[in-house]
Amino acid sequence: MTRRPRAPRRARVSDVREIALSMPGTKVVEGGQGVYQVAGRSFIFFRSRRPDAFDPETGERYDDVIVFWVADEGAKREILSEEGTPFFTTPHFDGHPSVLLRGSRIGELDRDQLAETVYDAWLARASKTAARKWLAERGLS
């Protein structure tokens, strides 16, 4: 009998914490659901309800927005231009190197896709030395 490859597991909000904390030097600044920092610089944070992120049909503010840093505006445009991804932005984040994701839509990503997003966020904010070391350990430099 031939085994079918398993479908990748869908991502969960709890995976954000687990993956972020697996990155070297990550600290959590508690408050709300947390702010994840490396070398004192935030790379992921959970937002509370804000007027710029809301349901266009009901006007209700989203209470489950997660912000992920990206390398630069080019990376942001690339992520946002990909068809079918749940990432978005708002005018409040114009010019800010980050993308947003609703926790309620995180399952549209598999865990590996979420991990890549977390790794990229960490790499965008870690020191060049720490980033080089982490990449080299994985043969990615």
N, C-alpha and C. Protein backbone atom coordinates (compact mmCIF):
# COMPACT_ATOMS: atom_id res chain seq x y z
N MET A 1 0.84 -1.18 0.00
CA MET A 1 0.00 0.00 0.00
C MET A 1 0.89 1.24 0.00
N THR A 2 0.60 2.15 -0.88
CA THR A 2 1.35 3.40 -0.98
C THR A 2 0.73 4.44 -0.06
N ARG A 3 1.58 5.06 0.72
CA ARG A 3 1.09 6.12 1.61
C ARG A 3 1.07 7.43 0.87
N ARG A 4 0.00 8.14 1.05
CA ARG A 4 -0.09 9.48 0.49
C ARG A 4 0.65 10.44 1.40
N PRO A 5 1.34 11.40 0.81
CA PRO A 5 1.98 12.40 1.68
C PRO A 5 0.92 13.14 2.48
N ARG A 6 1.25 13.40 3.72
CA ARG A 6 0.31 14.14 4.57
C ARG A 6 0.22 15.59 4.12
N ALA A 7 -0.98 16.10 4.17
CA ALA A 7 -1.16 17.52 3.89
C ALA A 7 -0.54 18.31 5.03
N PRO A 8 0.08 19.43 4.73
CA PRO A 8 0.66 20.24 5.81
C PRO A 8 -0.42 20.66 6.79
N ARG A 9 -0.04 20.72 8.06
CA ARG A 9 -0.98 21.15 9.09
C ARG A 9 -1.29 22.64 8.93
N ARG A 10 -2.55 22.99 9.09
CA ARG A 10 -2.96 24.38 9.03
C ARG A 10 -2.37 25.14 10.21
N ALA A 11 -2.01 26.38 10.01
CA ALA A 11 -1.43 27.20 11.06
C ALA A 11 -2.49 27.57 12.10
N ARG A 12 -2.02 27.81 13.29
CA ARG A 12 -2.87 28.25 14.41
C ARG A 12 -2.23 29.49 15.03
N VAL A 13 -3.03 30.28 15.70
CA VAL A 13 -2.51 31.48 16.36
C VAL A 13 -1.44 31.08 17.37
N SER A 14 -1.63 29.98 18.07
CA SER A 14 -0.63 29.55 19.07
C SER A 14 0.72 29.24 18.43
N ASP A 15 0.74 28.93 17.14
CA ASP A 15 2.00 28.68 16.44
C ASP A 15 2.85 29.94 16.36
N VAL A 16 2.22 31.11 16.32
CA VAL A 16 2.99 32.36 16.25
C VAL A 16 3.92 32.43 17.45
N ARG A 17 3.38 32.22 18.63
CA ARG A 17 4.19 32.28 19.85
C ARG A 17 5.28 31.22 19.83
N GLU A 18 4.91 29.99 19.51
CA GLU A 18 5.86 28.88 19.53
C GLU A 18 7.02 29.13 18.56
N ILE A 19 6.71 29.54 17.35
CA ILE A 19 7.76 29.77 16.34
C ILE A 19 8.60 30.98 16.71
N ALA A 20 7.95 32.06 17.11
CA ALA A 20 8.70 33.28 17.47
C ALA A 20 9.67 33.00 18.61
N LEU A 21 9.23 32.25 19.61
CA LEU A 21 10.10 31.97 20.76
C LEU A 21 11.22 31.00 20.42
N SER A 22 11.11 30.31 19.29
CA SER A 22 12.18 29.41 18.87
C SER A 22 13.35 30.17 18.23
N MET A 23 13.14 31.44 17.94
CA MET A 23 14.18 32.25 17.30
C MET A 23 15.13 32.80 18.35
N PRO A 24 16.43 32.80 18.05
CA PRO A 24 17.43 33.24 19.02
C PRO A 24 17.19 34.66 19.54
N GLY A 25 17.33 34.81 20.85
CA GLY A 25 17.25 36.13 21.46
C GLY A 25 15.87 36.73 21.54
N THR A 26 14.83 35.96 21.23
CA THR A 26 13.48 36.51 21.27
C THR A 26 13.01 36.68 22.70
N LYS A 27 12.42 37.82 22.96
CA LYS A 27 11.79 38.10 24.25
C LYS A 27 10.36 38.52 23.98
N VAL A 28 9.49 38.23 24.93
CA VAL A 28 8.09 38.63 24.83
C VAL A 28 7.84 39.75 25.81
N VAL A 29 7.33 40.84 25.32
CA VAL A 29 6.87 41.93 26.17
C VAL A 29 5.38 41.70 26.31
N GLU A 30 4.98 41.30 27.50
CA GLU A 30 3.57 40.96 27.69
C GLU A 30 2.72 42.21 27.69
N GLY A 31 1.48 42.01 27.44
CA GLY A 31 0.51 43.09 27.31
C GLY A 31 -0.35 42.69 26.13
N GLY A 32 -1.63 42.55 26.35
CA GLY A 32 -2.45 42.01 25.29
C GLY A 32 -1.99 40.58 25.04
N GLN A 33 -1.78 40.24 23.79
CA GLN A 33 -1.30 38.90 23.47
C GLN A 33 0.21 38.87 23.27
N GLY A 34 0.86 39.99 23.45
CA GLY A 34 2.31 40.01 23.42
C GLY A 34 2.92 40.72 22.23
N VAL A 35 4.12 41.18 22.49
CA VAL A 35 4.97 41.80 21.48
C VAL A 35 6.25 40.98 21.49
N TYR A 36 6.67 40.51 20.34
CA TYR A 36 7.86 39.68 20.23
C TYR A 36 8.99 40.56 19.72
N GLN A 37 10.11 40.55 20.48
CA GLN A 37 11.23 41.42 20.16
C GLN A 37 12.52 40.63 20.08
N VAL A 38 13.43 41.14 19.26
CA VAL A 38 14.81 40.65 19.22
C VAL A 38 15.69 41.89 19.30
N ALA A 39 16.67 41.85 20.17
CA ALA A 39 17.57 42.98 20.38
C ALA A 39 16.79 44.28 20.64
N GLY A 40 15.69 44.16 21.40
CA GLY A 40 14.90 45.33 21.75
C GLY A 40 14.04 45.88 20.62
N ARG A 41 13.97 45.16 19.50
CA ARG A 41 13.19 45.63 18.35
C ARG A 41 12.02 44.67 18.10
N SER A 42 10.83 45.21 18.02
CA SER A 42 9.64 44.39 17.76
C SER A 42 9.71 43.79 16.37
N PHE A 43 9.29 42.52 16.25
CA PHE A 43 9.18 41.92 14.92
C PHE A 43 7.80 41.33 14.68
N ILE A 44 7.05 41.07 15.74
CA ILE A 44 5.65 40.63 15.64
C ILE A 44 4.91 41.24 16.82
N PHE A 45 3.70 41.72 16.58
CA PHE A 45 2.87 42.09 17.71
C PHE A 45 1.40 41.92 17.37
N PHE A 46 0.63 41.68 18.42
CA PHE A 46 -0.82 41.53 18.30
C PHE A 46 -1.44 42.88 18.62
N ARG A 47 -2.31 43.33 17.76
CA ARG A 47 -2.96 44.62 17.95
C ARG A 47 -4.30 44.47 18.65
N SER A 48 -4.67 45.49 19.38
CA SER A 48 -6.03 45.56 19.93
C SER A 48 -6.92 46.19 18.86
N ARG A 49 -8.19 46.30 19.15
CA ARG A 49 -9.11 46.93 18.19
C ARG A 49 -8.63 48.35 17.88
N ARG A 50 -8.52 48.64 16.59
CA ARG A 50 -8.08 49.96 16.16
C ARG A 50 -9.00 50.43 15.04
N PRO A 51 -9.17 51.74 14.88
CA PRO A 51 -10.11 52.23 13.87
C PRO A 51 -9.70 51.96 12.43
N ASP A 52 -8.44 51.64 12.17
CA ASP A 52 -8.00 51.46 10.78
C ASP A 52 -8.23 50.06 10.24
N ALA A 53 -8.52 49.08 11.09
CA ALA A 53 -8.72 47.70 10.64
C ALA A 53 -10.12 47.25 11.06
N PHE A 54 -11.01 47.17 10.09
CA PHE A 54 -12.42 46.89 10.41
C PHE A 54 -13.09 46.12 9.29
N ASP A 55 -14.19 45.47 9.66
CA ASP A 55 -15.00 44.74 8.70
C ASP A 55 -15.72 45.75 7.82
N PRO A 56 -15.49 45.70 6.50
CA PRO A 56 -16.11 46.69 5.62
C PRO A 56 -17.63 46.61 5.57
N GLU A 57 -18.20 45.47 5.91
CA GLU A 57 -19.66 45.33 5.87
C GLU A 57 -20.33 45.81 7.15
N THR A 58 -19.72 45.51 8.30
CA THR A 58 -20.36 45.85 9.57
C THR A 58 -19.74 47.06 10.26
N GLY A 59 -18.51 47.40 9.86
CA GLY A 59 -17.80 48.49 10.52
C GLY A 59 -17.16 48.07 11.83
N GLU A 60 -17.35 46.81 12.23
CA GLU A 60 -16.77 46.33 13.48
C GLU A 60 -15.25 46.26 13.37
N ARG A 61 -14.58 46.79 14.38
CA ARG A 61 -13.12 46.76 14.40
C ARG A 61 -12.62 45.34 14.65
N TYR A 62 -11.59 44.97 13.92
CA TYR A 62 -10.98 43.66 14.11
C TYR A 62 -10.23 43.64 15.44
N ASP A 63 -10.38 42.56 16.16
CA ASP A 63 -9.68 42.43 17.44
C ASP A 63 -8.62 41.34 17.40
N ASP A 64 -8.29 40.89 16.19
CA ASP A 64 -7.37 39.75 16.06
C ASP A 64 -6.27 39.99 15.03
N VAL A 65 -5.82 41.23 14.91
CA VAL A 65 -4.81 41.56 13.90
C VAL A 65 -3.41 41.33 14.46
N ILE A 66 -2.61 40.62 13.66
CA ILE A 66 -1.21 40.35 14.00
C ILE A 66 -0.35 41.10 12.99
N VAL A 67 0.65 41.82 13.48
CA VAL A 67 1.55 42.59 12.62
C VAL A 67 2.89 41.85 12.53
N PHE A 68 3.35 41.64 11.29
CA PHE A 68 4.64 40.99 11.04
C PHE A 68 5.53 41.97 10.28
N TRP A 69 6.73 42.24 10.81
CA TRP A 69 7.69 43.07 10.07
C TRP A 69 8.13 42.33 8.82
N VAL A 70 8.48 43.09 7.80
CA VAL A 70 9.08 42.55 6.57
C VAL A 70 10.36 43.33 6.31
N ALA A 71 11.15 42.85 5.38
CA ALA A 71 12.47 43.46 5.13
C ALA A 71 12.36 44.91 4.67
N ASP A 72 11.42 45.19 3.78
CA ASP A 72 11.29 46.53 3.22
C ASP A 72 9.99 46.65 2.45
N GLU A 73 9.77 47.82 1.87
CA GLU A 73 8.53 48.06 1.12
C GLU A 73 8.39 47.11 -0.08
N GLY A 74 9.50 46.75 -0.71
CA GLY A 74 9.45 45.82 -1.83
C GLY A 74 8.93 44.46 -1.40
N ALA A 75 9.42 43.98 -0.27
CA ALA A 75 8.95 42.69 0.26
C ALA A 75 7.46 42.78 0.61
N LYS A 76 7.07 43.91 1.18
CA LYS A 76 5.67 44.12 1.53
C LYS A 76 4.79 44.06 0.28
N ARG A 77 5.18 44.78 -0.76
CA ARG A 77 4.39 44.78 -2.00
C ARG A 77 4.30 43.37 -2.58
N GLU A 78 5.41 42.64 -2.53
CA GLU A 78 5.43 41.28 -3.08
C GLU A 78 4.44 40.38 -2.32
N ILE A 79 4.47 40.43 -1.01
CA ILE A 79 3.57 39.61 -0.19
C ILE A 79 2.12 39.98 -0.47
N LEU A 80 1.84 41.27 -0.51
CA LEU A 80 0.46 41.72 -0.70
C LEU A 80 -0.05 41.45 -2.11
N SER A 81 0.86 41.28 -3.06
CA SER A 81 0.42 41.04 -4.45
C SER A 81 0.15 39.56 -4.73
N GLU A 82 0.55 38.68 -3.82
CA GLU A 82 0.34 37.26 -4.03
C GLU A 82 -1.15 36.93 -3.93
N GLU A 83 -1.66 36.28 -4.96
CA GLU A 83 -3.07 35.90 -4.99
C GLU A 83 -3.40 34.92 -3.87
N GLY A 84 -4.53 35.13 -3.24
CA GLY A 84 -5.05 34.16 -2.28
C GLY A 84 -4.41 34.15 -0.91
N THR A 85 -3.51 35.08 -0.61
CA THR A 85 -2.95 35.09 0.73
C THR A 85 -3.82 35.95 1.64
N PRO A 86 -3.84 35.63 2.92
CA PRO A 86 -4.68 36.40 3.84
C PRO A 86 -4.04 37.68 4.37
N PHE A 87 -2.84 38.02 3.90
CA PHE A 87 -2.17 39.22 4.39
C PHE A 87 -2.82 40.47 3.81
N PHE A 88 -2.77 41.54 4.59
CA PHE A 88 -3.33 42.81 4.14
C PHE A 88 -2.59 43.95 4.81
N THR A 89 -2.98 45.15 4.51
CA THR A 89 -2.45 46.33 5.17
C THR A 89 -3.58 47.34 5.28
N THR A 90 -3.32 48.42 5.96
CA THR A 90 -4.28 49.53 6.05
C THR A 90 -3.50 50.82 5.79
N PRO A 91 -4.19 51.92 5.50
CA PRO A 91 -3.48 53.19 5.29
C PRO A 91 -2.60 53.59 6.48
N HIS A 92 -2.98 53.18 7.69
CA HIS A 92 -2.17 53.48 8.88
C HIS A 92 -0.75 52.93 8.73
N PHE A 93 -0.60 51.84 7.99
CA PHE A 93 0.71 51.20 7.83
C PHE A 93 1.39 51.55 6.51
N ASP A 94 0.86 52.55 5.80
CA ASP A 94 1.55 53.01 4.59
C ASP A 94 2.95 53.47 4.97
N GLY A 95 3.95 52.99 4.23
CA GLY A 95 5.32 53.37 4.50
C GLY A 95 5.97 52.60 5.64
N HIS A 96 5.22 51.72 6.28
CA HIS A 96 5.76 50.90 7.37
C HIS A 96 6.06 49.51 6.84
N PRO A 97 7.26 48.98 7.08
CA PRO A 97 7.62 47.67 6.53
C PRO A 97 6.98 46.52 7.32
N SER A 98 5.69 46.34 7.12
CA SER A 98 4.98 45.27 7.81
C SER A 98 3.75 44.86 7.02
N VAL A 99 3.29 43.66 7.31
CA VAL A 99 2.02 43.18 6.77
C VAL A 99 1.16 42.72 7.94
N LEU A 100 -0.12 42.71 7.72
CA LEU A 100 -1.08 42.36 8.76
C LEU A 100 -1.76 41.04 8.40
N LEU A 101 -2.20 40.33 9.42
CA LEU A 101 -2.90 39.07 9.25
C LEU A 101 -3.91 38.94 10.37
N ARG A 102 -5.15 38.63 10.03
CA ARG A 102 -6.15 38.39 11.06
C ARG A 102 -5.96 36.99 11.63
N GLY A 103 -6.01 36.87 12.94
CA GLY A 103 -5.91 35.56 13.57
C GLY A 103 -6.98 34.61 13.07
N SER A 104 -8.15 35.14 12.76
CA SER A 104 -9.25 34.29 12.28
C SER A 104 -8.98 33.72 10.89
N ARG A 105 -7.99 34.25 10.20
CA ARG A 105 -7.65 33.76 8.86
C ARG A 105 -6.31 33.03 8.82
N ILE A 106 -5.68 32.84 9.97
CA ILE A 106 -4.35 32.24 10.00
C ILE A 106 -4.37 30.81 9.44
N GLY A 107 -5.48 30.12 9.57
CA GLY A 107 -5.61 28.76 9.06
C GLY A 107 -5.58 28.67 7.54
N GLU A 108 -5.59 29.81 6.86
CA GLU A 108 -5.43 29.82 5.40
C GLU A 108 -3.97 29.58 5.02
N LEU A 109 -3.10 29.66 6.02
CA LEU A 109 -1.68 29.33 5.83
C LEU A 109 -1.43 27.97 6.45
N ASP A 110 -0.45 27.25 5.91
CA ASP A 110 -0.04 26.05 6.63
C ASP A 110 1.06 26.48 7.61
N ARG A 111 1.41 25.58 8.51
CA ARG A 111 2.37 25.94 9.56
C ARG A 111 3.71 26.35 8.96
N ASP A 112 4.13 25.70 7.88
CA ASP A 112 5.41 26.06 7.24
C ASP A 112 5.37 27.48 6.66
N GLN A 113 4.25 27.85 6.07
CA GLN A 113 4.12 29.22 5.54
C GLN A 113 4.17 30.24 6.67
N LEU A 114 3.49 29.93 7.77
CA LEU A 114 3.54 30.84 8.92
C LEU A 114 4.96 30.92 9.46
N ALA A 115 5.64 29.78 9.57
CA ALA A 115 7.01 29.78 10.08
C ALA A 115 7.89 30.67 9.20
N GLU A 116 7.75 30.58 7.90
CA GLU A 116 8.54 31.42 6.99
C GLU A 116 8.26 32.89 7.24
N THR A 117 7.01 33.23 7.50
CA THR A 117 6.63 34.63 7.78
C THR A 117 7.28 35.10 9.09
N VAL A 118 7.26 34.24 10.10
CA VAL A 118 7.88 34.59 11.39
C VAL A 118 9.39 34.72 11.23
N TYR A 119 10.01 33.77 10.52
CA TYR A 119 11.46 33.83 10.31
C TYR A 119 11.83 35.14 9.59
N ASP A 120 11.08 35.47 8.55
CA ASP A 120 11.37 36.70 7.80
C ASP A 120 11.21 37.94 8.67
N ALA A 121 10.19 37.92 9.55
CA ALA A 121 9.99 39.06 10.46
C ALA A 121 11.18 39.19 11.40
N TRP A 122 11.62 38.06 11.94
CA TRP A 122 12.77 38.07 12.84
C TRP A 122 14.02 38.55 12.11
N LEU A 123 14.25 38.02 10.91
CA LEU A 123 15.42 38.42 10.13
C LEU A 123 15.40 39.92 9.81
N ALA A 124 14.22 40.49 9.62
CA ALA A 124 14.10 41.91 9.31
C ALA A 124 14.52 42.79 10.48
N ARG A 125 14.48 42.26 11.70
CA ARG A 125 14.74 43.07 12.88
C ARG A 125 15.97 42.66 13.69
N ALA A 126 16.47 41.46 13.46
CA ALA A 126 17.65 40.99 14.20
C ALA A 126 18.89 41.72 13.72
N SER A 127 19.94 41.68 14.53
CA SER A 127 21.20 42.28 14.08
C SER A 127 21.71 41.51 12.87
N LYS A 128 22.53 42.17 12.07
CA LYS A 128 23.09 41.51 10.88
C LYS A 128 23.90 40.28 11.28
N THR A 129 24.63 40.37 12.38
CA THR A 129 25.43 39.25 12.85
C THR A 129 24.54 38.07 13.24
N ALA A 130 23.49 38.33 14.02
CA ALA A 130 22.58 37.26 14.45
C ALA A 130 21.88 36.65 13.24
N ALA A 131 21.46 37.48 12.30
CA ALA A 131 20.78 36.99 11.10
C ALA A 131 21.72 36.11 10.27
N ARG A 132 22.96 36.57 10.07
CA ARG A 132 23.94 35.78 9.30
C ARG A 132 24.19 34.44 9.96
N LYS A 133 24.34 34.45 11.28
CA LYS A 133 24.60 33.21 12.02
C LYS A 133 23.43 32.25 11.87
N TRP A 134 22.21 32.74 12.05
CA TRP A 134 21.02 31.88 11.95
C TRP A 134 20.89 31.30 10.55
N LEU A 135 21.10 32.12 9.54
CA LEU A 135 21.03 31.63 8.15
C LEU A 135 22.13 30.61 7.88
N ALA A 136 23.34 30.87 8.34
CA ALA A 136 24.46 29.96 8.11
C ALA A 136 24.21 28.60 8.76
N GLU A 137 23.62 28.60 9.96
CA GLU A 137 23.32 27.35 10.65
C GLU A 137 22.36 26.48 9.85
N ARG A 138 21.59 27.09 8.98
CA ARG A 138 20.62 26.37 8.16
C ARG A 138 21.08 26.21 6.72
N GLY A 139 22.31 26.61 6.46
CA GLY A 139 22.85 26.50 5.12
C GLY A 139 22.17 27.43 4.13
N LEU A 140 21.69 28.56 4.60
CA LEU A 140 20.93 29.48 3.76
C LEU A 140 21.68 30.78 3.45
N SER A 141 22.92 30.88 3.87
CA SER A 141 23.63 32.15 3.67
C SER A 141 24.19 32.28 2.28
